[in-house]
Amino acid sequence: MLTELCQELRNWFDRDFPKWNGQFKIENHEISCITDSDFNLITGQHFRIIGSLLNDGVYQYPSEELKDEEFTGAVWSMGIPPAVIALAEEIAQWNQDNAAVINSPFTSESFGGYSYSKGGGGGSSSTSGNPLNWKSFFADELHRWRKL
């Protein structure tokens, strides 16, 4: 979820943190830089992989999600604020709780004198007609962290 959230925010929280370019090797869920001996990630640190065939995205070091490969690309250290991490967790939970509505092919239904509509905005329905998704539901919280 952090990868998708950072992409939506256009904010990778990289500020003045180190960025390494070169050839990288991922083996047994560990990442190392073949071409830069100064490469160093600390336990618990978030980082972004760019240019990988199998692992592009945001991870927390070390990560069980990393798949073994060698690639030429970049790794950026990140300083994601705890509030953004908490927001990502809240969005993931919201997606899980609302999966049936989000994945429904219907935007409205009517039967037996009952009808409902789903849409975007601040709740489970909206007059905008946009489908309900986390981007519209959490728009106010996302605004604070968005880069133009």
N, C-alpha and C. Protein backbone atom coordinates (compact mmCIF):
# COMPACT_ATOMS: atom_id res chain seq x y z
N MET A 1 0.82 -1.19 0.00
CA MET A 1 0.00 0.00 0.00
C MET A 1 0.87 1.26 0.00
N LEU A 2 2.06 1.21 0.65
CA LEU A 2 2.91 2.41 0.69
C LEU A 2 3.35 2.84 -0.71
N THR A 3 3.63 1.88 -1.58
CA THR A 3 4.02 2.23 -2.95
C THR A 3 2.91 2.99 -3.64
N GLU A 4 1.70 2.45 -3.57
CA GLU A 4 0.56 3.10 -4.22
C GLU A 4 0.25 4.45 -3.59
N LEU A 5 0.36 4.54 -2.27
CA LEU A 5 0.10 5.80 -1.58
C LEU A 5 1.12 6.87 -1.98
N CYS A 6 2.40 6.53 -1.96
CA CYS A 6 3.44 7.50 -2.34
C CYS A 6 3.26 7.94 -3.79
N GLN A 7 2.89 6.98 -4.66
CA GLN A 7 2.66 7.32 -6.06
C GLN A 7 1.49 8.29 -6.19
N GLU A 8 0.41 8.03 -5.47
CA GLU A 8 -0.75 8.92 -5.51
C GLU A 8 -0.40 10.31 -4.98
N LEU A 9 0.43 10.36 -3.94
CA LEU A 9 0.83 11.64 -3.34
C LEU A 9 1.89 12.36 -4.16
N ARG A 10 2.53 11.63 -5.08
CA ARG A 10 3.69 12.16 -5.82
C ARG A 10 4.75 12.64 -4.82
N ASN A 11 4.86 11.88 -3.73
CA ASN A 11 5.78 12.23 -2.66
C ASN A 11 6.46 10.95 -2.18
N TRP A 12 7.76 10.87 -2.43
CA TRP A 12 8.53 9.67 -2.06
C TRP A 12 9.31 9.90 -0.78
N PHE A 13 9.11 11.01 -0.11
CA PHE A 13 9.71 11.30 1.19
C PHE A 13 11.22 11.00 1.18
N ASP A 14 11.88 11.45 0.11
CA ASP A 14 13.31 11.17 -0.06
C ASP A 14 14.21 12.32 0.37
N ARG A 15 13.68 13.50 0.48
CA ARG A 15 14.40 14.69 0.92
C ARG A 15 15.91 14.60 0.65
N ASP A 16 16.73 14.70 1.71
CA ASP A 16 18.19 14.69 1.54
C ASP A 16 18.80 13.34 1.86
N PHE A 17 17.98 12.30 1.86
CA PHE A 17 18.50 10.98 2.18
C PHE A 17 19.31 10.43 1.01
N PRO A 18 20.20 9.49 1.28
CA PRO A 18 21.03 8.94 0.20
C PRO A 18 20.20 8.26 -0.89
N LYS A 19 20.71 8.38 -2.10
CA LYS A 19 20.17 7.68 -3.26
C LYS A 19 21.35 6.98 -3.92
N TRP A 20 21.19 5.71 -4.19
CA TRP A 20 22.27 4.95 -4.82
C TRP A 20 21.83 4.51 -6.20
N ASN A 21 22.74 4.65 -7.17
CA ASN A 21 22.52 4.17 -8.53
C ASN A 21 23.58 3.13 -8.82
N GLY A 22 23.20 2.10 -9.55
CA GLY A 22 24.18 1.08 -9.91
C GLY A 22 23.54 -0.28 -10.09
N GLN A 23 24.35 -1.29 -9.84
CA GLN A 23 23.89 -2.66 -9.99
C GLN A 23 23.62 -3.23 -8.60
N PHE A 24 22.44 -3.82 -8.43
CA PHE A 24 22.00 -4.33 -7.14
C PHE A 24 21.71 -5.82 -7.23
N LYS A 25 21.87 -6.47 -6.10
CA LYS A 25 21.58 -7.90 -6.02
C LYS A 25 20.64 -8.11 -4.83
N ILE A 26 19.57 -8.84 -5.08
CA ILE A 26 18.65 -9.23 -4.02
C ILE A 26 18.72 -10.74 -3.92
N GLU A 27 19.05 -11.18 -2.71
CA GLU A 27 19.17 -12.61 -2.47
C GLU A 27 18.74 -12.90 -1.04
N ASN A 28 17.87 -13.90 -0.88
CA ASN A 28 17.35 -14.27 0.44
C ASN A 28 16.75 -13.06 1.17
N HIS A 29 15.99 -12.24 0.45
CA HIS A 29 15.27 -11.09 1.00
C HIS A 29 16.20 -9.96 1.46
N GLU A 30 17.45 -10.00 1.09
CA GLU A 30 18.43 -8.95 1.44
C GLU A 30 18.87 -8.26 0.15
N ILE A 31 19.07 -6.95 0.22
CA ILE A 31 19.52 -6.21 -0.95
C ILE A 31 20.92 -5.67 -0.70
N SER A 32 21.76 -5.75 -1.73
CA SER A 32 23.11 -5.19 -1.65
C SER A 32 23.42 -4.51 -2.97
N CYS A 33 24.35 -3.56 -2.92
CA CYS A 33 24.76 -2.84 -4.12
C CYS A 33 26.12 -3.37 -4.55
N ILE A 34 26.19 -3.89 -5.74
CA ILE A 34 27.42 -4.48 -6.27
C ILE A 34 28.42 -3.38 -6.62
N THR A 35 27.94 -2.21 -7.02
CA THR A 35 28.81 -1.16 -7.56
C THR A 35 29.10 -0.02 -6.58
N ASP A 36 28.53 -0.03 -5.37
CA ASP A 36 28.75 1.07 -4.43
C ASP A 36 28.94 0.52 -3.02
N SER A 37 30.15 0.59 -2.52
CA SER A 37 30.45 0.04 -1.20
C SER A 37 29.85 0.88 -0.07
N ASP A 38 29.38 2.09 -0.36
CA ASP A 38 28.76 2.95 0.66
C ASP A 38 27.29 2.63 0.88
N PHE A 39 26.75 1.68 0.11
CA PHE A 39 25.33 1.33 0.23
C PHE A 39 25.06 0.78 1.62
N ASN A 40 24.04 1.36 2.29
CA ASN A 40 23.73 0.93 3.63
C ASN A 40 22.29 1.28 3.97
N LEU A 41 21.52 0.29 4.32
CA LEU A 41 20.18 0.48 4.84
C LEU A 41 20.16 -0.05 6.27
N ILE A 42 19.40 0.61 7.13
CA ILE A 42 19.33 0.16 8.52
C ILE A 42 17.98 -0.52 8.77
N THR A 43 17.96 -1.41 9.72
CA THR A 43 16.76 -2.15 10.05
C THR A 43 15.62 -1.18 10.39
N GLY A 44 14.48 -1.41 9.75
CA GLY A 44 13.30 -0.57 9.96
C GLY A 44 13.17 0.58 8.98
N GLN A 45 14.20 0.86 8.23
CA GLN A 45 14.19 1.99 7.29
C GLN A 45 13.36 1.64 6.05
N HIS A 46 12.61 2.61 5.56
CA HIS A 46 11.89 2.45 4.30
C HIS A 46 12.80 2.85 3.15
N PHE A 47 12.62 2.17 2.02
CA PHE A 47 13.41 2.48 0.84
C PHE A 47 12.59 2.18 -0.40
N ARG A 48 12.98 2.81 -1.50
CA ARG A 48 12.29 2.64 -2.78
C ARG A 48 13.26 2.02 -3.77
N ILE A 49 12.78 1.02 -4.49
CA ILE A 49 13.55 0.39 -5.56
C ILE A 49 12.98 0.87 -6.89
N ILE A 50 13.88 1.31 -7.78
CA ILE A 50 13.49 1.79 -9.11
C ILE A 50 14.34 1.05 -10.15
N GLY A 51 13.72 0.52 -11.18
CA GLY A 51 14.45 -0.11 -12.27
C GLY A 51 14.55 -1.62 -12.16
N SER A 52 13.86 -2.20 -11.21
CA SER A 52 13.87 -3.64 -11.02
C SER A 52 12.72 -4.27 -11.81
N LEU A 53 12.95 -5.45 -12.33
CA LEU A 53 11.90 -6.16 -13.03
C LEU A 53 10.89 -6.75 -12.05
N LEU A 54 11.35 -7.22 -10.90
CA LEU A 54 10.49 -7.93 -9.95
C LEU A 54 10.15 -7.17 -8.68
N ASN A 55 10.90 -6.10 -8.36
CA ASN A 55 10.79 -5.51 -7.03
C ASN A 55 10.56 -4.01 -6.99
N ASP A 56 10.22 -3.36 -8.09
CA ASP A 56 9.97 -1.92 -8.03
C ASP A 56 8.93 -1.63 -6.94
N GLY A 57 9.22 -0.64 -6.09
CA GLY A 57 8.26 -0.29 -5.06
C GLY A 57 8.91 0.15 -3.77
N VAL A 58 8.10 0.32 -2.74
CA VAL A 58 8.53 0.78 -1.42
C VAL A 58 8.52 -0.41 -0.46
N TYR A 59 9.59 -0.54 0.30
CA TYR A 59 9.75 -1.63 1.26
C TYR A 59 10.31 -1.09 2.56
N GLN A 60 10.22 -1.93 3.60
CA GLN A 60 10.88 -1.63 4.86
C GLN A 60 11.96 -2.69 5.05
N TYR A 61 13.17 -2.22 5.39
CA TYR A 61 14.32 -3.12 5.45
C TYR A 61 14.39 -3.84 6.78
N PRO A 62 14.67 -5.14 6.78
CA PRO A 62 14.68 -6.07 5.65
C PRO A 62 13.24 -6.44 5.27
N SER A 63 13.06 -6.95 4.07
CA SER A 63 11.71 -7.25 3.60
C SER A 63 11.61 -8.67 3.07
N GLU A 64 10.68 -9.41 3.63
CA GLU A 64 10.40 -10.78 3.16
C GLU A 64 9.75 -10.76 1.78
N GLU A 65 9.27 -9.60 1.35
CA GLU A 65 8.59 -9.49 0.06
C GLU A 65 9.56 -9.46 -1.13
N LEU A 66 10.83 -9.14 -0.89
CA LEU A 66 11.79 -9.02 -1.99
C LEU A 66 12.04 -10.37 -2.65
N LYS A 67 12.05 -10.34 -3.99
CA LYS A 67 12.30 -11.55 -4.78
C LYS A 67 13.73 -11.50 -5.31
N ASP A 68 14.40 -12.63 -5.31
CA ASP A 68 15.78 -12.70 -5.77
C ASP A 68 15.92 -12.24 -7.21
N GLU A 69 16.90 -11.36 -7.44
CA GLU A 69 17.24 -10.90 -8.79
C GLU A 69 18.45 -9.99 -8.73
N GLU A 70 19.04 -9.73 -9.89
CA GLU A 70 20.05 -8.69 -10.05
C GLU A 70 19.48 -7.68 -11.04
N PHE A 71 19.73 -6.41 -10.78
CA PHE A 71 19.20 -5.38 -11.68
C PHE A 71 20.08 -4.14 -11.62
N THR A 72 19.99 -3.35 -12.64
CA THR A 72 20.63 -2.04 -12.69
C THR A 72 19.54 -1.01 -12.51
N GLY A 73 19.70 -0.18 -11.50
CA GLY A 73 18.66 0.79 -11.20
C GLY A 73 19.07 1.70 -10.07
N ALA A 74 18.12 2.01 -9.20
CA ALA A 74 18.38 2.93 -8.09
C ALA A 74 17.64 2.46 -6.85
N VAL A 75 18.21 2.81 -5.71
CA VAL A 75 17.56 2.60 -4.42
C VAL A 75 17.62 3.92 -3.67
N TRP A 76 16.47 4.38 -3.21
CA TRP A 76 16.39 5.64 -2.48
C TRP A 76 16.07 5.36 -1.03
N SER A 77 16.79 5.96 -0.12
CA SER A 77 16.41 5.95 1.29
C SER A 77 15.20 6.86 1.44
N MET A 78 14.30 6.50 2.33
CA MET A 78 13.08 7.28 2.53
C MET A 78 12.90 7.61 4.01
N GLY A 79 12.27 8.72 4.26
CA GLY A 79 11.92 9.12 5.61
C GLY A 79 10.41 9.34 5.70
N ILE A 80 9.67 8.26 5.63
CA ILE A 80 8.21 8.36 5.65
C ILE A 80 7.75 8.69 7.07
N PRO A 81 7.01 9.78 7.24
CA PRO A 81 6.52 10.13 8.58
C PRO A 81 5.59 9.05 9.14
N PRO A 82 5.62 8.83 10.45
CA PRO A 82 4.72 7.84 11.06
C PRO A 82 3.25 8.08 10.73
N ALA A 83 2.84 9.32 10.58
CA ALA A 83 1.44 9.62 10.24
C ALA A 83 1.06 9.07 8.86
N VAL A 84 2.00 9.07 7.93
CA VAL A 84 1.73 8.54 6.59
C VAL A 84 1.68 7.02 6.63
N ILE A 85 2.54 6.42 7.41
CA ILE A 85 2.51 4.96 7.57
C ILE A 85 1.18 4.54 8.20
N ALA A 86 0.74 5.27 9.21
CA ALA A 86 -0.55 4.98 9.85
C ALA A 86 -1.69 5.16 8.86
N LEU A 87 -1.61 6.19 8.01
CA LEU A 87 -2.63 6.42 6.99
C LEU A 87 -2.67 5.26 6.00
N ALA A 88 -1.51 4.76 5.60
CA ALA A 88 -1.44 3.62 4.68
C ALA A 88 -2.11 2.39 5.31
N GLU A 89 -1.87 2.18 6.59
CA GLU A 89 -2.49 1.05 7.29
C GLU A 89 -4.01 1.23 7.37
N GLU A 90 -4.44 2.47 7.62
CA GLU A 90 -5.87 2.76 7.68
C GLU A 90 -6.53 2.54 6.33
N ILE A 91 -5.85 2.95 5.26
CA ILE A 91 -6.38 2.76 3.90
C ILE A 91 -6.47 1.28 3.58
N ALA A 92 -5.43 0.52 3.92
CA ALA A 92 -5.45 -0.93 3.67
C ALA A 92 -6.62 -1.59 4.39
N GLN A 93 -6.86 -1.20 5.63
CA GLN A 93 -7.98 -1.75 6.39
C GLN A 93 -9.31 -1.34 5.77
N TRP A 94 -9.41 -0.08 5.35
CA TRP A 94 -10.63 0.41 4.71
C TRP A 94 -10.90 -0.37 3.43
N ASN A 95 -9.85 -0.60 2.62
CA ASN A 95 -10.00 -1.38 1.39
C ASN A 95 -10.51 -2.79 1.70
N GLN A 96 -9.96 -3.38 2.74
CA GLN A 96 -10.38 -4.72 3.13
C GLN A 96 -11.84 -4.72 3.60
N ASP A 97 -12.20 -3.76 4.41
CA ASP A 97 -13.56 -3.68 4.95
C ASP A 97 -14.60 -3.38 3.87
N ASN A 98 -14.20 -2.70 2.81
CA ASN A 98 -15.13 -2.27 1.76
C ASN A 98 -14.93 -3.00 0.44
N ALA A 99 -14.24 -4.14 0.46
CA ALA A 99 -13.91 -4.85 -0.77
C ALA A 99 -15.15 -5.23 -1.58
N ALA A 100 -16.20 -5.67 -0.93
CA ALA A 100 -17.39 -6.09 -1.66
C ALA A 100 -18.01 -4.94 -2.44
N VAL A 101 -18.08 -3.77 -1.82
CA VAL A 101 -18.67 -2.61 -2.49
C VAL A 101 -17.73 -2.08 -3.58
N ILE A 102 -16.44 -2.02 -3.27
CA ILE A 102 -15.46 -1.50 -4.23
C ILE A 102 -15.41 -2.36 -5.48
N ASN A 103 -15.46 -3.67 -5.31
CA ASN A 103 -15.32 -4.59 -6.44
C ASN A 103 -16.63 -4.91 -7.14
N SER A 104 -17.73 -4.36 -6.65
CA SER A 104 -19.02 -4.60 -7.28
C SER A 104 -19.05 -3.95 -8.66
N PRO A 105 -19.60 -4.65 -9.65
CA PRO A 105 -19.70 -4.04 -10.98
C PRO A 105 -20.82 -3.01 -11.07
N PHE A 106 -21.62 -2.89 -10.02
CA PHE A 106 -22.78 -2.01 -10.04
C PHE A 106 -22.47 -0.70 -9.32
N THR A 107 -22.95 0.41 -9.90
CA THR A 107 -22.85 1.68 -9.20
C THR A 107 -24.17 2.02 -8.52
N SER A 108 -25.24 1.33 -8.95
CA SER A 108 -26.51 1.49 -8.27
C SER A 108 -27.37 0.26 -8.55
N GLU A 109 -28.29 0.02 -7.65
CA GLU A 109 -29.23 -1.08 -7.81
C GLU A 109 -30.58 -0.63 -7.31
N SER A 110 -31.61 -1.23 -7.86
CA SER A 110 -32.96 -0.95 -7.41
C SER A 110 -33.75 -2.24 -7.49
N PHE A 111 -34.39 -2.62 -6.39
CA PHE A 111 -35.22 -3.82 -6.40
C PHE A 111 -36.20 -3.76 -5.24
N GLY A 112 -37.40 -4.23 -5.44
CA GLY A 112 -38.42 -4.32 -4.40
C GLY A 112 -38.65 -3.02 -3.64
N GLY A 113 -38.61 -1.89 -4.29
CA GLY A 113 -38.83 -0.62 -3.62
C GLY A 113 -37.61 -0.10 -2.88
N TYR A 114 -36.48 -0.79 -3.00
CA TYR A 114 -35.24 -0.38 -2.34
C TYR A 114 -34.21 -0.04 -3.41
N SER A 115 -33.45 1.01 -3.18
CA SER A 115 -32.39 1.33 -4.11
C SER A 115 -31.19 1.90 -3.35
N TYR A 116 -30.02 1.75 -3.96
CA TYR A 116 -28.83 2.35 -3.38
C TYR A 116 -27.88 2.71 -4.51
N SER A 117 -26.98 3.64 -4.22
CA SER A 117 -25.94 4.04 -5.16
C SER A 117 -24.64 4.15 -4.40
N LYS A 118 -23.57 3.76 -5.07
CA LYS A 118 -22.26 3.99 -4.46
C LYS A 118 -21.56 5.05 -5.28
N GLY A 119 -20.69 5.81 -4.64
CA GLY A 119 -19.99 6.87 -5.33
C GLY A 119 -18.78 7.27 -4.55
N GLY A 120 -18.09 8.30 -5.02
CA GLY A 120 -16.88 8.77 -4.35
C GLY A 120 -17.20 9.87 -3.37
N GLY A 121 -16.18 10.38 -2.72
CA GLY A 121 -16.37 11.48 -1.80
C GLY A 121 -16.18 11.06 -0.37
N GLY A 122 -16.91 11.67 0.53
CA GLY A 122 -16.68 11.48 1.95
C GLY A 122 -17.39 10.32 2.58
N GLY A 123 -18.02 9.46 1.83
CA GLY A 123 -18.71 8.35 2.45
C GLY A 123 -18.96 7.26 1.46
N SER A 124 -19.91 6.39 1.77
CA SER A 124 -20.16 5.25 0.90
C SER A 124 -20.99 5.63 -0.32
N SER A 125 -21.52 6.84 -0.35
CA SER A 125 -22.23 7.29 -1.54
C SER A 125 -21.98 8.78 -1.73
N SER A 126 -22.17 9.20 -2.94
CA SER A 126 -21.92 10.60 -3.26
C SER A 126 -22.78 11.00 -4.45
N THR A 127 -23.05 12.26 -4.55
CA THR A 127 -23.81 12.74 -5.69
C THR A 127 -22.91 12.94 -6.91
N SER A 128 -21.60 12.78 -6.74
CA SER A 128 -20.68 13.01 -7.85
C SER A 128 -20.77 11.92 -8.90
N GLY A 129 -21.24 10.72 -8.53
CA GLY A 129 -21.31 9.64 -9.48
C GLY A 129 -20.00 8.90 -9.66
N ASN A 130 -18.94 9.35 -9.02
CA ASN A 130 -17.66 8.67 -9.12
C ASN A 130 -17.68 7.41 -8.28
N PRO A 131 -16.98 6.36 -8.73
CA PRO A 131 -16.97 5.15 -7.92
C PRO A 131 -16.25 5.36 -6.59
N LEU A 132 -16.70 4.63 -5.60
CA LEU A 132 -16.10 4.70 -4.27
C LEU A 132 -14.71 4.07 -4.31
N ASN A 133 -13.71 4.80 -3.83
CA ASN A 133 -12.37 4.26 -3.72
C ASN A 133 -11.63 5.00 -2.61
N TRP A 134 -10.48 4.46 -2.22
CA TRP A 134 -9.74 5.04 -1.10
C TRP A 134 -9.25 6.44 -1.41
N LYS A 135 -8.96 6.74 -2.67
CA LYS A 135 -8.44 8.06 -3.04
C LYS A 135 -9.49 9.15 -2.80
N SER A 136 -10.73 8.85 -3.11
CA SER A 136 -11.78 9.84 -2.87
C SER A 136 -12.19 9.86 -1.40
N PHE A 137 -12.25 8.69 -0.76
CA PHE A 137 -12.68 8.62 0.64
C PHE A 137 -11.70 9.33 1.57
N PHE A 138 -10.38 9.21 1.29
CA PHE A 138 -9.35 9.80 2.14
C PHE A 138 -8.77 11.09 1.56
N ALA A 139 -9.49 11.74 0.66
CA ALA A 139 -8.97 12.92 -0.04
C ALA A 139 -8.47 14.01 0.91
N ASP A 140 -9.18 14.28 1.98
CA ASP A 140 -8.77 15.34 2.91
C ASP A 140 -7.44 15.00 3.58
N GLU A 141 -7.27 13.74 4.01
CA GLU A 141 -6.01 13.35 4.65
C GLU A 141 -4.85 13.32 3.66
N LEU A 142 -5.13 12.94 2.42
CA LEU A 142 -4.08 12.86 1.40
C LEU A 142 -3.56 14.24 1.02
N HIS A 143 -4.45 15.22 1.04
CA HIS A 143 -4.09 16.58 0.61
C HIS A 143 -2.86 17.11 1.38
N ARG A 144 -2.79 16.84 2.65
CA ARG A 144 -1.70 17.34 3.50
C ARG A 144 -0.33 16.92 3.01
N TRP A 145 -0.23 15.72 2.43
CA TRP A 145 1.07 15.15 2.06
C TRP A 145 1.37 15.23 0.57
N ARG A 146 0.41 15.69 -0.22
CA ARG A 146 0.55 15.67 -1.67
C ARG A 146 1.56 16.71 -2.16
N LYS A 147 2.40 16.31 -3.11
CA LYS A 147 3.27 17.24 -3.80
C LYS A 147 2.69 17.52 -5.17
N LEU A 148 2.85 18.75 -5.63
CA LEU A 148 2.30 19.12 -6.93
C LEU A 148 3.17 18.74 -8.06
